[in-house]
Amino acid sequence: MPPEQALDAARPAPASTLMPVLALLAAMVSTYVGAAIAKFLFPMVGSQGVTALRVGLAACMLLAWRKPWRMPLARTDIPNLLVYGLMLGCMNLLIYGAFARIPIGIAVAIEVTGPLMVVLAGSRRLLDIAWLACAVLGLWLLLPLHAHAAALDPLGIALALGAAFCWAMYIVFGKRVSTLQGGQAVAWGMLAAALFTVPVGVAHAGAALLAPGVLAAGLGVALLSSAVPYSLEMAALKRLPRRVFGILVSASPALSALAGWLVLGEQLSALQWLAIGLIIAASSGAAATA
């Protein structure tokens, strides 16, 4: 085979990369549009109730669609699936609690530092230390730690930081179970998340969760923010290198801030946009040079 043909054969087909990239971008847009819509439900059933609807209904849809029980699970996969589901449930509870208290774009900018830590974990390179410093500067500008920062609810900030940790663990354990076939990982993981989040939501909102309007809106949120994006994310995780996945996920704060502005009218200051830009630069840069 001539050298030119050998190079062409070794080069991945553009379509094989384009499709998972588009799937991940669609997942992020769907997630944050759904999150912005979900915020309208917070006054009726609270963030815990919306989380219960989102995760519980998504689990039912995914189990009915994927039928994961048709393929046996290896015993070694079960612990990873349980941790994956637990992190998924905690991430949803915490970030929705943050959404109820601070703007969506700011909450996600804080949350995305979780995937950033996954990329930087164990690194000793000067370049990675520079990316970390960029993220720290962004957080410092964003949080109420200086005279020019906007006031933010401290509990909302703490919840977003908790969601950041859960997102990091979601990526680590999601990668471990992403090789399961037939959508098993997402379906079983969402069931595990529902077993944890639904009782919390029921305890908080009670019978209000069964109101027809709330159920209908919850179904839309479950589709937009859980069933569709997590399935697309898992498909992307299978086909994309972690570096590329991390670069694309770095756009989450900007997409969420735009969704908050378009759907909820949440306005961010120029300083907050600068802080979000620094965090995006740190996350995408760290992923690109990993």
Protein backbone atom coordinates (compact mmCIF):
# COMPACT_ATOMS: atom_id res chain seq x y z
CA MET A 1 0.00 0.00 0.00
CA PRO A 2 1.43 3.45 -0.93
CA PRO A 3 2.28 5.73 2.01
CA GLU A 4 -0.53 8.16 1.10
CA GLN A 5 -3.12 5.38 1.19
CA ALA A 6 -1.71 4.04 4.44
CA LEU A 7 -2.10 7.47 6.03
CA ASP A 8 -5.66 7.77 4.76
CA ALA A 9 -6.51 4.34 6.14
CA ALA A 10 -5.09 5.24 9.54
CA ARG A 11 -6.90 8.56 9.72
CA PRO A 12 -10.34 8.27 11.42
CA ALA A 13 -13.31 8.99 9.20
CA PRO A 14 -14.73 12.47 9.81
CA ALA A 15 -18.26 11.09 10.20
CA SER A 16 -17.13 8.75 12.98
CA THR A 17 -16.05 11.80 15.02
CA LEU A 18 -18.72 14.22 13.87
CA MET A 19 -21.69 12.16 15.03
CA PRO A 20 -20.63 11.74 18.70
CA VAL A 21 -19.62 15.42 18.79
CA LEU A 22 -23.07 16.45 17.56
CA ALA A 23 -24.66 14.01 19.99
CA LEU A 24 -22.81 15.57 22.94
CA LEU A 25 -23.65 19.13 21.87
CA ALA A 26 -27.32 18.16 21.47
CA ALA A 27 -27.23 16.56 24.91
CA MET A 28 -25.94 19.76 26.53
CA VAL A 29 -28.46 22.01 24.78
CA SER A 30 -31.31 19.66 25.74
CA THR A 31 -30.12 19.48 29.36
CA TYR A 32 -30.00 23.21 29.98
CA VAL A 33 -33.18 24.09 28.12
CA GLY A 34 -34.89 21.44 30.25
CA ALA A 35 -33.25 22.87 33.38
CA ALA A 36 -34.48 26.36 32.57
CA ILE A 37 -38.02 25.03 32.09
CA ALA A 38 -37.74 23.04 35.33
CA LYS A 39 -37.06 26.24 37.27
CA PHE A 40 -40.67 27.30 36.59
CA LEU A 41 -41.79 24.29 38.66
CA PHE A 42 -39.69 25.08 41.72
CA PRO A 43 -42.36 27.28 43.39
CA MET A 44 -44.89 24.43 43.14
CA VAL A 45 -42.93 21.35 44.24
CA GLY A 46 -39.45 22.61 45.14
CA SER A 47 -36.17 21.60 43.56
CA GLN A 48 -36.36 18.20 45.29
CA GLY A 49 -39.80 17.51 43.81
CA VAL A 50 -38.68 18.50 40.31
CA THR A 51 -35.63 16.24 40.67
CA ALA A 52 -37.88 13.34 41.69
CA LEU A 53 -40.08 13.91 38.63
CA ARG A 54 -37.12 14.30 36.30
CA VAL A 55 -35.20 11.26 37.45
CA GLY A 56 -38.17 9.01 38.27
CA LEU A 57 -39.99 9.56 34.96
CA ALA A 58 -36.72 9.32 33.01
CA ALA A 59 -35.96 5.98 34.71
CA CYS A 60 -39.39 4.63 33.69
CA MET A 61 -38.92 5.77 30.08
CA LEU A 62 -35.41 4.37 29.79
CA LEU A 63 -36.34 1.02 31.33
CA ALA A 64 -39.33 0.68 28.97
CA TRP A 65 -37.25 1.68 25.96
CA ARG A 66 -33.95 -0.07 26.62
CA LYS A 67 -35.21 -3.18 28.48
CA PRO A 68 -31.77 -3.66 30.02
CA TRP A 69 -32.72 -6.91 31.77
CA ARG A 70 -32.56 -8.71 28.42
CA MET A 71 -28.76 -8.83 28.71
CA PRO A 72 -27.10 -10.23 31.83
CA LEU A 73 -24.82 -8.02 33.86
CA ALA A 74 -21.37 -9.12 34.94
CA ARG A 75 -21.04 -9.13 38.72
CA THR A 76 -18.06 -6.79 38.47
CA ASP A 77 -20.23 -4.15 36.71
CA ILE A 78 -22.81 -3.90 39.49
CA PRO A 79 -20.76 -1.82 42.00
CA ASN A 80 -19.74 0.62 39.26
CA LEU A 81 -23.35 0.94 38.11
CA LEU A 82 -24.55 1.61 41.66
CA VAL A 83 -21.95 4.34 42.23
CA TYR A 84 -22.68 5.79 38.77
CA GLY A 85 -26.40 5.93 39.62
CA LEU A 86 -25.80 7.37 43.09
CA MET A 87 -23.59 10.13 41.67
CA LEU A 88 -26.17 10.81 38.98
CA GLY A 89 -28.94 11.18 41.58
CA CYS A 90 -26.87 13.35 43.90
CA MET A 91 -25.70 15.53 41.02
CA ASN A 92 -29.32 16.20 40.01
CA LEU A 93 -30.48 16.98 43.55
CA LEU A 94 -27.58 19.30 44.26
CA ILE A 95 -27.54 21.22 40.99
CA TYR A 96 -31.32 21.76 41.02
CA GLY A 97 -30.99 23.02 44.58
CA ALA A 98 -28.33 25.43 43.29
CA PHE A 99 -30.54 26.50 40.36
CA ALA A 100 -33.25 27.46 42.85
CA ARG A 101 -30.86 29.88 44.60
CA ILE A 102 -28.43 31.26 42.01
CA PRO A 103 -28.52 31.84 38.21
CA ILE A 104 -28.22 28.68 36.11
CA GLY A 105 -25.14 29.88 34.23
CA ILE A 106 -23.23 30.59 37.45
CA ALA A 107 -24.25 27.28 39.01
CA VAL A 108 -23.03 25.34 35.98
CA ALA A 109 -19.80 27.35 35.81
CA ILE A 110 -19.08 26.19 39.36
CA GLU A 111 -20.25 22.65 38.60
CA VAL A 112 -18.02 22.27 35.53
CA THR A 113 -14.94 22.51 37.74
CA GLY A 114 -15.67 18.85 38.61
CA PRO A 115 -14.79 17.57 35.12
CA LEU A 116 -11.84 19.96 35.14
CA MET A 117 -10.46 18.24 38.25
CA VAL A 118 -10.84 14.87 36.48
CA VAL A 119 -8.60 16.13 33.67
CA LEU A 120 -6.02 17.71 36.01
CA ALA A 121 -5.94 14.93 38.62
CA GLY A 122 -2.40 13.78 39.23
CA SER A 123 -0.84 16.24 36.78
CA ARG A 124 2.43 17.99 37.66
CA ARG A 125 2.95 19.93 34.42
CA LEU A 126 3.36 23.71 34.57
CA LEU A 127 0.79 24.12 31.80
CA ASP A 128 -1.85 22.27 33.80
CA ILE A 129 -1.03 24.37 36.87
CA ALA A 130 -1.66 27.42 34.66
CA TRP A 131 -5.08 26.05 33.64
CA LEU A 132 -5.88 25.43 37.28
CA ALA A 133 -4.88 29.00 38.15
CA CYS A 134 -7.15 30.25 35.34
CA ALA A 135 -10.09 28.30 36.80
CA VAL A 136 -9.35 29.53 40.31
CA LEU A 137 -9.27 33.13 39.05
CA GLY A 138 -12.62 32.58 37.33
CA LEU A 139 -14.15 31.20 40.52
CA TRP A 140 -12.70 34.06 42.55
CA LEU A 141 -14.29 36.61 40.21
CA LEU A 142 -17.58 34.70 40.25
CA LEU A 143 -17.96 34.10 43.97
CA PRO A 144 -18.68 36.84 46.53
CA LEU A 145 -15.06 37.00 47.68
CA HIS A 146 -14.28 40.58 46.65
CA ALA A 147 -15.92 44.00 46.64
CA HIS A 148 -17.06 43.95 42.99
CA ALA A 149 -18.69 40.50 43.04
CA ALA A 150 -22.47 40.17 42.85
CA ALA A 151 -24.20 38.79 45.93
CA LEU A 152 -24.89 35.07 45.68
CA ASP A 153 -26.68 32.72 48.05
CA PRO A 154 -23.94 30.83 49.99
CA LEU A 155 -26.05 27.66 50.11
CA GLY A 156 -26.52 27.81 46.34
CA ILE A 157 -22.74 28.03 45.92
CA ALA A 158 -22.18 25.08 48.28
CA LEU A 159 -24.75 22.97 46.41
CA ALA A 160 -23.09 23.76 43.07
CA LEU A 161 -19.70 22.73 44.49
CA GLY A 162 -21.24 19.46 45.70
CA ALA A 163 -22.65 18.91 42.21
CA ALA A 164 -19.15 19.51 40.79
CA PHE A 165 -17.78 16.62 42.85
CA CYS A 166 -20.66 14.37 41.78
CA TRP A 167 -20.14 15.29 38.12
CA ALA A 168 -16.48 14.30 38.39
CA MET A 169 -17.45 10.92 39.84
CA TYR A 170 -20.20 10.55 37.23
CA ILE A 171 -17.57 10.85 34.48
CA VAL A 172 -15.15 8.44 36.15
CA PHE A 173 -17.73 5.72 36.78
CA GLY A 174 -19.66 6.48 33.58
CA LYS A 175 -16.54 5.68 31.60
CA ARG A 176 -16.22 2.37 33.45
CA VAL A 177 -19.75 1.26 32.51
CA SER A 178 -19.92 2.86 29.04
CA THR A 179 -18.95 -0.43 27.39
CA LEU A 180 -22.22 -2.09 28.46
CA GLN A 181 -24.48 -2.84 25.52
CA GLY A 182 -28.02 -1.80 24.66
CA GLY A 183 -28.21 1.28 26.85
CA GLN A 184 -27.84 -0.81 30.01
CA ALA A 185 -25.63 1.71 31.79
CA VAL A 186 -27.99 4.66 31.43
CA ALA A 187 -31.13 2.64 32.20
CA TRP A 188 -29.76 0.86 35.29
CA GLY A 189 -27.94 4.00 36.41
CA MET A 190 -31.11 6.09 36.16
CA LEU A 191 -33.03 3.44 38.13
CA ALA A 192 -30.41 3.56 40.88
CA ALA A 193 -30.63 7.36 40.87
CA ALA A 194 -34.44 7.22 41.07
CA LEU A 195 -34.39 4.88 44.07
CA PHE A 196 -32.44 7.60 45.88
CA THR A 197 -34.00 10.83 44.61
CA VAL A 198 -37.71 9.95 44.36
CA PRO A 199 -38.17 9.32 48.12
CA VAL A 200 -36.45 12.65 48.82
CA GLY A 201 -38.78 14.47 46.42
CA VAL A 202 -41.91 12.74 47.73
CA ALA A 203 -40.97 13.58 51.31
CA HIS A 204 -40.63 17.23 50.32
CA ALA A 205 -43.55 17.77 47.89
CA GLY A 206 -45.99 14.96 48.69
CA ALA A 207 -49.21 14.74 46.67
CA ALA A 208 -48.41 17.94 44.74
CA LEU A 209 -46.23 15.80 42.48
CA LEU A 210 -49.38 14.06 41.16
CA ALA A 211 -51.10 17.23 39.92
CA PRO A 212 -51.75 16.74 36.15
CA GLY A 213 -50.01 19.97 35.14
CA VAL A 214 -46.98 19.22 37.28
CA LEU A 215 -46.75 15.67 35.94
CA ALA A 216 -46.99 16.86 32.33
CA ALA A 217 -44.28 19.48 32.85
CA GLY A 218 -42.17 16.95 34.73
CA LEU A 219 -42.44 14.55 31.80
CA GLY A 220 -41.09 17.23 29.47
CA VAL A 221 -38.23 18.00 31.85
CA ALA A 222 -37.44 14.28 32.18
CA LEU A 223 -37.21 13.94 28.41
CA LEU A 224 -35.17 17.10 27.82
CA SER A 225 -32.87 16.92 30.85
CA SER A 226 -32.40 13.21 31.52
CA ALA A 227 -33.64 10.54 29.10
CA VAL A 228 -32.42 12.18 25.89
CA PRO A 229 -29.14 13.82 27.03
CA TYR A 230 -27.84 10.95 29.18
CA SER A 231 -28.41 8.50 26.34
CA LEU A 232 -26.60 10.82 23.92
CA GLU A 233 -23.80 11.40 26.44
CA MET A 234 -23.22 7.70 26.93
CA ALA A 235 -23.06 7.19 23.16
CA ALA A 236 -20.52 10.02 22.94
CA LEU A 237 -18.44 8.62 25.83
CA LYS A 238 -18.08 5.35 23.93
CA ARG A 239 -16.67 7.00 20.80
CA LEU A 240 -14.86 10.15 21.90
CA PRO A 241 -11.48 10.36 23.64
CA ARG A 242 -11.77 11.81 27.14
CA ARG A 243 -9.79 14.86 25.95
CA VAL A 244 -12.36 15.73 23.25
CA PHE A 245 -15.24 15.00 25.61
CA GLY A 246 -13.75 17.38 28.16
CA ILE A 247 -13.27 20.17 25.58
CA LEU A 248 -16.90 19.98 24.49
CA VAL A 249 -18.28 19.78 28.02
CA SER A 250 -16.36 22.98 28.76
CA ALA A 251 -19.01 24.89 26.80
CA SER A 252 -21.65 23.94 29.39
CA PRO A 253 -21.52 27.20 31.41
CA ALA A 254 -22.04 29.33 28.31
CA LEU A 255 -24.89 27.17 27.03
CA SER A 256 -26.58 27.12 30.42
CA ALA A 257 -26.21 30.89 30.83
CA LEU A 258 -27.77 31.42 27.40
CA ALA A 259 -30.63 29.05 28.29
CA GLY A 260 -31.20 30.92 31.56
CA TRP A 261 -31.26 34.22 29.69
CA LEU A 262 -33.54 33.07 26.86
CA VAL A 263 -36.03 31.07 28.95
CA LEU A 264 -35.89 32.80 32.35
CA GLY A 265 -34.50 36.24 31.57
CA GLU A 266 -31.53 35.74 33.92
CA GLN A 267 -29.06 38.56 33.30
CA LEU A 268 -25.37 38.19 34.13
CA SER A 269 -22.92 41.05 34.61
CA ALA A 270 -19.86 41.59 32.40
CA LEU A 271 -17.66 40.44 35.30
CA GLN A 272 -19.67 37.23 35.65
CA TRP A 273 -19.37 36.55 31.93
CA LEU A 274 -15.60 37.12 32.19
CA ALA A 275 -15.43 34.65 35.08
CA ILE A 276 -17.42 32.08 33.11
CA GLY A 277 -15.10 32.62 30.14
CA LEU A 278 -12.03 31.98 32.29
CA ILE A 279 -13.50 28.72 33.60
CA ILE A 280 -14.40 27.63 30.07
CA ALA A 281 -10.87 28.48 28.89
CA ALA A 282 -9.34 26.53 31.78
CA SER A 283 -11.53 23.47 31.17
CA SER A 284 -11.13 23.37 27.40
CA GLY A 285 -7.42 24.15 27.59
CA ALA A 286 -6.77 21.45 30.18
CA ALA A 287 -8.70 18.91 28.15
CA ALA A 288 -6.98 19.89 24.88
CA THR A 289 -3.47 19.56 26.36
CA ALA A 290 -4.15 16.55 28.59
